[in-house]
Amino acid sequence: MEANQQGVRVAIFFCRQLDPDQDTHRRLLEKELGPRIRFFPLPCSGRIDPLHFLKALETGSDKVYLIACPEGACRYGQGNVRARKRLSYARGLIEEIGFAPESFELIYAAGPLPVSIDTLSRQLLGLGPARSPAVRQAPGSPAIPEKKGETVAVKHE
């Protein structure tokens, strides 16, 4: 992740439903990248508020991601739809004050749940696989690290 090696700070909001072991998985990446990355688990991506995005920028993040469940797979029905609307609203707000709306990005996890938040984040940020023998490259897609037996991909919005 060339950009983050240069000091870019990233905030990642994500739905807890994606990864039941998210505490362990995100701590691995937080330990590796230190203060350049911050994770914010949400009960559902639909619980995000536009102020969460703005606060992340205010506290020094250069890029803010929201990782939501695959389309049609939200445990609460419409959470990822609400998340998309709230992100769009937040983009409009920062555009009005002169910031790049690309500072906020919505990512839909693809594939069956659960997926590792560590693996998704590594893929998103362009990092190599985790330092673990359980992590390998996905067949047919050398840019996507994945855990054995797990299909991981992301869809950018």
C-alpha atoms as a PDB file:
ATOM      1  CA  MET A   1       0.000   0.000   0.000  1.00  0.00           C
ATOM      2  CA  GLU A   2       2.197   2.727  -1.314  1.00  0.00           C
ATOM      3  CA  ALA A   3      -0.089   5.615  -0.350  1.00  0.00           C
ATOM      4  CA  ASN A   4      -0.454   4.546   3.287  1.00  0.00           C
ATOM      5  CA  GLN A   5       3.294   4.053   3.573  1.00  0.00           C
ATOM      6  CA  GLN A   6       3.545   7.767   2.852  1.00  0.00           C
ATOM      7  CA  GLY A   7       1.363   8.642   5.819  1.00  0.00           C
ATOM      8  CA  VAL A   8      -2.187   8.648   4.426  1.00  0.00           C
ATOM      9  CA  ARG A   9      -4.612   8.000   7.250  1.00  0.00           C
ATOM     10  CA  VAL A  10      -7.612   5.751   6.621  1.00  0.00           C
ATOM     11  CA  ALA A  11     -10.827   5.253   8.597  1.00  0.00           C
ATOM     12  CA  ILE A  12     -12.847   2.118   7.906  1.00  0.00           C
ATOM     13  CA  PHE A  13     -16.439   1.825   9.113  1.00  0.00           C
ATOM     14  CA  PHE A  14     -17.881  -1.649   8.651  1.00  0.00           C
ATOM     15  CA  CYS A  15     -20.896  -3.801   9.398  1.00  0.00           C
ATOM     16  CA  ARG A  16     -20.227  -6.225  12.279  1.00  0.00           C
ATOM     17  CA  GLN A  17     -22.338  -8.842  10.492  1.00  0.00           C
ATOM     18  CA  LEU A  18     -19.534  -9.290   7.949  1.00  0.00           C
ATOM     19  CA  ASP A  19     -17.064 -10.915  10.329  1.00  0.00           C
ATOM     20  CA  PRO A  20     -17.922 -12.570  13.647  1.00  0.00           C
ATOM     21  CA  ASP A  21     -14.179 -12.540  14.533  1.00  0.00           C
ATOM     22  CA  GLN A  22     -13.726  -8.901  13.567  1.00  0.00           C
ATOM     23  CA  ASP A  23     -12.047  -7.927  16.845  1.00  0.00           C
ATOM     24  CA  THR A  24      -9.159 -10.314  16.242  1.00  0.00           C
ATOM     25  CA  HIS A  25      -8.910  -9.651  12.514  1.00  0.00           C
ATOM     26  CA  ARG A  26      -8.871  -5.872  12.673  1.00  0.00           C
ATOM     27  CA  ARG A  27      -6.367  -5.808  15.521  1.00  0.00           C
ATOM     28  CA  LEU A  28      -3.841  -7.598  13.295  1.00  0.00           C
ATOM     29  CA  LEU A  29      -4.006  -4.802  10.751  1.00  0.00           C
ATOM     30  CA  GLU A  30      -4.102  -2.055  13.380  1.00  0.00           C
ATOM     31  CA  LYS A  31      -0.939  -3.482  14.913  1.00  0.00           C
ATOM     32  CA  GLU A  32       0.774  -3.619  11.523  1.00  0.00           C
ATOM     33  CA  LEU A  33      -0.197  -0.122  10.322  1.00  0.00           C
ATOM     34  CA  GLY A  34      -0.415   1.695  13.634  1.00  0.00           C
ATOM     35  CA  PRO A  35      -2.146   5.085  13.680  1.00  0.00           C
ATOM     36  CA  ARG A  36      -2.523   5.198   9.883  1.00  0.00           C
ATOM     37  CA  ILE A  37      -5.647   3.027  10.080  1.00  0.00           C
ATOM     38  CA  ARG A  38      -8.679   3.125  12.363  1.00  0.00           C
ATOM     39  CA  PHE A  39     -11.622   0.738  12.388  1.00  0.00           C
ATOM     40  CA  PHE A  40     -15.145   1.556  13.513  1.00  0.00           C
ATOM     41  CA  PRO A  41     -17.506  -1.435  13.741  1.00  0.00           C
ATOM     42  CA  LEU A  42     -21.218  -0.707  13.313  1.00  0.00           C
ATOM     43  CA  PRO A  43     -24.155  -2.978  14.217  1.00  0.00           C
ATOM     44  CA  CYS A  44     -25.267  -2.468  10.583  1.00  0.00           C
ATOM     45  CA  SER A  45     -23.880  -0.265   7.819  1.00  0.00           C
ATOM     46  CA  GLY A  46     -27.289   1.423   7.758  1.00  0.00           C
ATOM     47  CA  ARG A  47     -26.564   2.839  11.222  1.00  0.00           C
ATOM     48  CA  ILE A  48     -23.872   5.138   9.816  1.00  0.00           C
ATOM     49  CA  ASP A  49     -24.616   8.827  10.129  1.00  0.00           C
ATOM     50  CA  PRO A  50     -23.196  11.430   7.719  1.00  0.00           C
ATOM     51  CA  LEU A  51     -21.590  13.045  10.773  1.00  0.00           C
ATOM     52  CA  HIS A  52     -19.465   9.898  11.259  1.00  0.00           C
ATOM     53  CA  PHE A  53     -17.845  10.518   7.865  1.00  0.00           C
ATOM     54  CA  LEU A  54     -17.309  14.195   8.592  1.00  0.00           C
ATOM     55  CA  LYS A  55     -15.850  13.496  12.033  1.00  0.00           C
ATOM     56  CA  ALA A  56     -13.381  11.028  10.503  1.00  0.00           C
ATOM     57  CA  LEU A  57     -12.134  13.757   8.143  1.00  0.00           C
ATOM     58  CA  GLU A  58     -12.028  16.274  10.962  1.00  0.00           C
ATOM     59  CA  THR A  59      -9.847  13.990  13.081  1.00  0.00           C
ATOM     60  CA  GLY A  60      -7.258  13.523  10.337  1.00  0.00           C
ATOM     61  CA  SER A  61      -8.387  10.752   8.007  1.00  0.00           C
ATOM     62  CA  ASP A  62      -7.568  11.307   4.354  1.00  0.00           C
ATOM     63  CA  LYS A  63      -9.843   8.516   3.111  1.00  0.00           C
ATOM     64  CA  VAL A  64     -12.981   7.076   4.710  1.00  0.00           C
ATOM     65  CA  TYR A  65     -14.407   3.713   3.680  1.00  0.00           C
ATOM     66  CA  LEU A  66     -17.717   2.136   4.586  1.00  0.00           C
ATOM     67  CA  ILE A  67     -17.809  -1.630   4.058  1.00  0.00           C
ATOM     68  CA  ALA A  68     -21.337  -2.998   3.789  1.00  0.00           C
ATOM     69  CA  CYS A  69     -22.838  -6.444   3.329  1.00  0.00           C
ATOM     70  CA  PRO A  70     -23.353  -7.700  -0.224  1.00  0.00           C
ATOM     71  CA  GLU A  71     -26.361  -6.190  -1.966  1.00  0.00           C
ATOM     72  CA  GLY A  72     -29.490  -8.062  -0.925  1.00  0.00           C
ATOM     73  CA  ALA A  73     -27.725  -9.774   2.005  1.00  0.00           C
ATOM     74  CA  CYS A  74     -28.296  -7.226   4.764  1.00  0.00           C
ATOM     75  CA  ARG A  75     -29.479  -8.950   7.920  1.00  0.00           C
ATOM     76  CA  TYR A  76     -31.760  -5.998   8.591  1.00  0.00           C
ATOM     77  CA  GLY A  77     -33.130  -5.788   5.059  1.00  0.00           C
ATOM     78  CA  GLN A  78     -32.326  -2.265   3.897  1.00  0.00           C
ATOM     79  CA  GLY A  79     -29.205  -1.321   5.878  1.00  0.00           C
ATOM     80  CA  ASN A  80     -26.853  -1.133   2.931  1.00  0.00           C
ATOM     81  CA  VAL A  81     -29.418   0.898   0.962  1.00  0.00           C
ATOM     82  CA  ARG A  82     -29.641   3.437   3.795  1.00  0.00           C
ATOM     83  CA  ALA A  83     -25.835   3.477   4.008  1.00  0.00           C
ATOM     84  CA  ARG A  84     -25.568   4.401   0.319  1.00  0.00           C
ATOM     85  CA  LYS A  85     -28.007   7.296   0.771  1.00  0.00           C
ATOM     86  CA  ARG A  86     -26.182   8.610   3.826  1.00  0.00           C
ATOM     87  CA  LEU A  87     -22.805   8.396   2.112  1.00  0.00           C
ATOM     88  CA  SER A  88     -24.207  10.284  -0.866  1.00  0.00           C
ATOM     89  CA  TYR A  89     -25.484  13.001   1.453  1.00  0.00           C
ATOM     90  CA  ALA A  90     -22.086  13.267   3.189  1.00  0.00           C
ATOM     91  CA  ARG A  91     -20.331  13.511  -0.184  1.00  0.00           C
ATOM     92  CA  GLY A  92     -22.590  16.416  -1.113  1.00  0.00           C
ATOM     93  CA  LEU A  93     -21.747  18.206   2.115  1.00  0.00           C
ATOM     94  CA  ILE A  94     -17.988  17.968   1.693  1.00  0.00           C
ATOM     95  CA  GLU A  95     -18.211  18.894  -1.975  1.00  0.00           C
ATOM     96  CA  GLU A  96     -19.991  22.123  -0.987  1.00  0.00           C
ATOM     97  CA  ILE A  97     -17.075  23.114   1.227  1.00  0.00           C
ATOM     98  CA  GLY A  98     -14.402  22.239  -1.338  1.00  0.00           C
ATOM     99  CA  PHE A  99     -13.287  18.729  -0.370  1.00  0.00           C
ATOM    100  CA  ALA A 100     -13.104  15.868  -2.862  1.00  0.00           C
ATOM    101  CA  PRO A 101     -16.218  13.682  -2.642  1.00  0.00           C
ATOM    102  CA  GLU A 102     -13.949  10.707  -3.408  1.00  0.00           C
ATOM    103  CA  SER A 103     -12.718  10.997   0.181  1.00  0.00           C
ATOM    104  CA  PHE A 104     -15.708   8.815   1.098  1.00  0.00           C
ATOM    105  CA  GLU A 105     -16.195   5.430  -0.508  1.00  0.00           C
ATOM    106  CA  LEU A 106     -18.826   2.722  -0.083  1.00  0.00           C
ATOM    107  CA  ILE A 107     -17.642  -0.845  -0.598  1.00  0.00           C
ATOM    108  CA  TYR A 108     -19.941  -3.863  -0.804  1.00  0.00           C
ATOM    109  CA  ALA A 109     -18.401  -7.144   0.277  1.00  0.00           C
ATOM    110  CA  ALA A 110     -19.003  -9.804  -2.356  1.00  0.00           C
ATOM    111  CA  GLY A 111     -19.468 -13.466  -1.753  1.00  0.00           C
ATOM    112  CA  PRO A 112     -21.002 -15.413   1.087  1.00  0.00           C
ATOM    113  CA  LEU A 113     -20.727 -14.180   4.655  1.00  0.00           C
ATOM    114  CA  PRO A 114     -18.744 -14.255   6.856  1.00  0.00           C
ATOM    115  CA  VAL A 115     -15.679 -12.597   5.368  1.00  0.00           C
ATOM    116  CA  SER A 116     -12.564 -11.449   7.203  1.00  0.00           C
ATOM    117  CA  ILE A 117     -12.431  -7.687   7.776  1.00  0.00           C
ATOM    118  CA  ASP A 118      -8.624  -7.985   7.760  1.00  0.00           C
ATOM    119  CA  THR A 119      -8.644  -9.614   4.322  1.00  0.00           C
ATOM    120  CA  LEU A 120     -11.171  -7.137   2.926  1.00  0.00           C
ATOM    121  CA  SER A 121      -9.188  -4.194   4.270  1.00  0.00           C
ATOM    122  CA  ARG A 122      -5.911  -5.527   2.868  1.00  0.00           C
ATOM    123  CA  GLN A 123      -7.500  -5.901  -0.553  1.00  0.00           C
ATOM    124  CA  LEU A 124      -9.050  -2.452  -0.345  1.00  0.00           C
ATOM    125  CA  LEU A 125      -5.792  -0.796   0.666  1.00  0.00           C
ATOM    126  CA  GLY A 126      -3.614  -2.740  -1.762  1.00  0.00           C
ATOM    127  CA  LEU A 127      -1.650  -4.581   0.917  1.00  0.00           C
ATOM    128  CA  GLY A 128      -0.246  -8.053   0.531  1.00  0.00           C
ATOM    129  CA  PRO A 129      -1.670 -11.006   2.401  1.00  0.00           C
ATOM    130  CA  ALA A 130      -1.502 -11.161   6.184  1.00  0.00           C
ATOM    131  CA  ARG A 131       1.544 -12.786   7.708  1.00  0.00           C
ATOM    132  CA  SER A 132      -0.246 -16.039   8.327  1.00  0.00           C
ATOM    133  CA  PRO A 133      -0.004 -19.454   6.667  1.00  0.00           C
ATOM    134  CA  ALA A 134      -3.839 -19.525   6.455  1.00  0.00           C
ATOM    135  CA  VAL A 135      -3.851 -16.698   3.919  1.00  0.00           C
ATOM    136  CA  ARG A 136      -3.349 -17.388   0.208  1.00  0.00           C
ATOM    137  CA  GLN A 137      -4.063 -15.801  -3.165  1.00  0.00           C
ATOM    138  CA  ALA A 138      -7.519 -16.325  -4.638  1.00  0.00           C
ATOM    139  CA  PRO A 139      -7.621 -18.606  -7.689  1.00  0.00           C
ATOM    140  CA  GLY A 140      -7.912 -16.634 -10.899  1.00  0.00           C
ATOM    141  CA  SER A 141      -7.495 -13.268  -9.178  1.00  0.00           C
ATOM    142  CA  PRO A 142      -3.931 -12.659  -8.022  1.00  0.00           C
ATOM    143  CA  ALA A 143      -4.753  -9.226  -6.543  1.00  0.00           C
ATOM    144  CA  ILE A 144      -7.228 -10.598  -3.989  1.00  0.00           C
ATOM    145  CA  PRO A 145      -5.788 -12.200  -0.858  1.00  0.00           C
ATOM    146  CA  GLU A 146      -8.109 -14.633   0.855  1.00  0.00           C
ATOM    147  CA  LYS A 147      -8.278 -17.168   3.634  1.00  0.00           C
ATOM    148  CA  LYS A 148      -8.401 -20.834   2.805  1.00  0.00           C
ATOM    149  CA  GLY A 149     -11.933 -21.791   1.848  1.00  0.00           C
ATOM    150  CA  GLU A 150     -13.152 -18.187   1.779  1.00  0.00           C
ATOM    151  CA  THR A 151     -14.222 -16.233  -1.289  1.00  0.00           C
ATOM    152  CA  VAL A 152     -13.501 -12.564  -0.849  1.00  0.00           C
ATOM    153  CA  ALA A 153     -14.065  -9.732  -3.274  1.00  0.00           C
ATOM    154  CA  VAL A 154     -15.246  -6.171  -3.022  1.00  0.00           C
ATOM    155  CA  LYS A 155     -17.511  -4.114  -5.189  1.00  0.00           C
ATOM    156  CA  HIS A 156     -16.813  -0.375  -5.184  1.00  0.00           C
ATOM    157  CA  GLU A 157     -19.756   2.005  -5.223  1.00  0.00           C
END
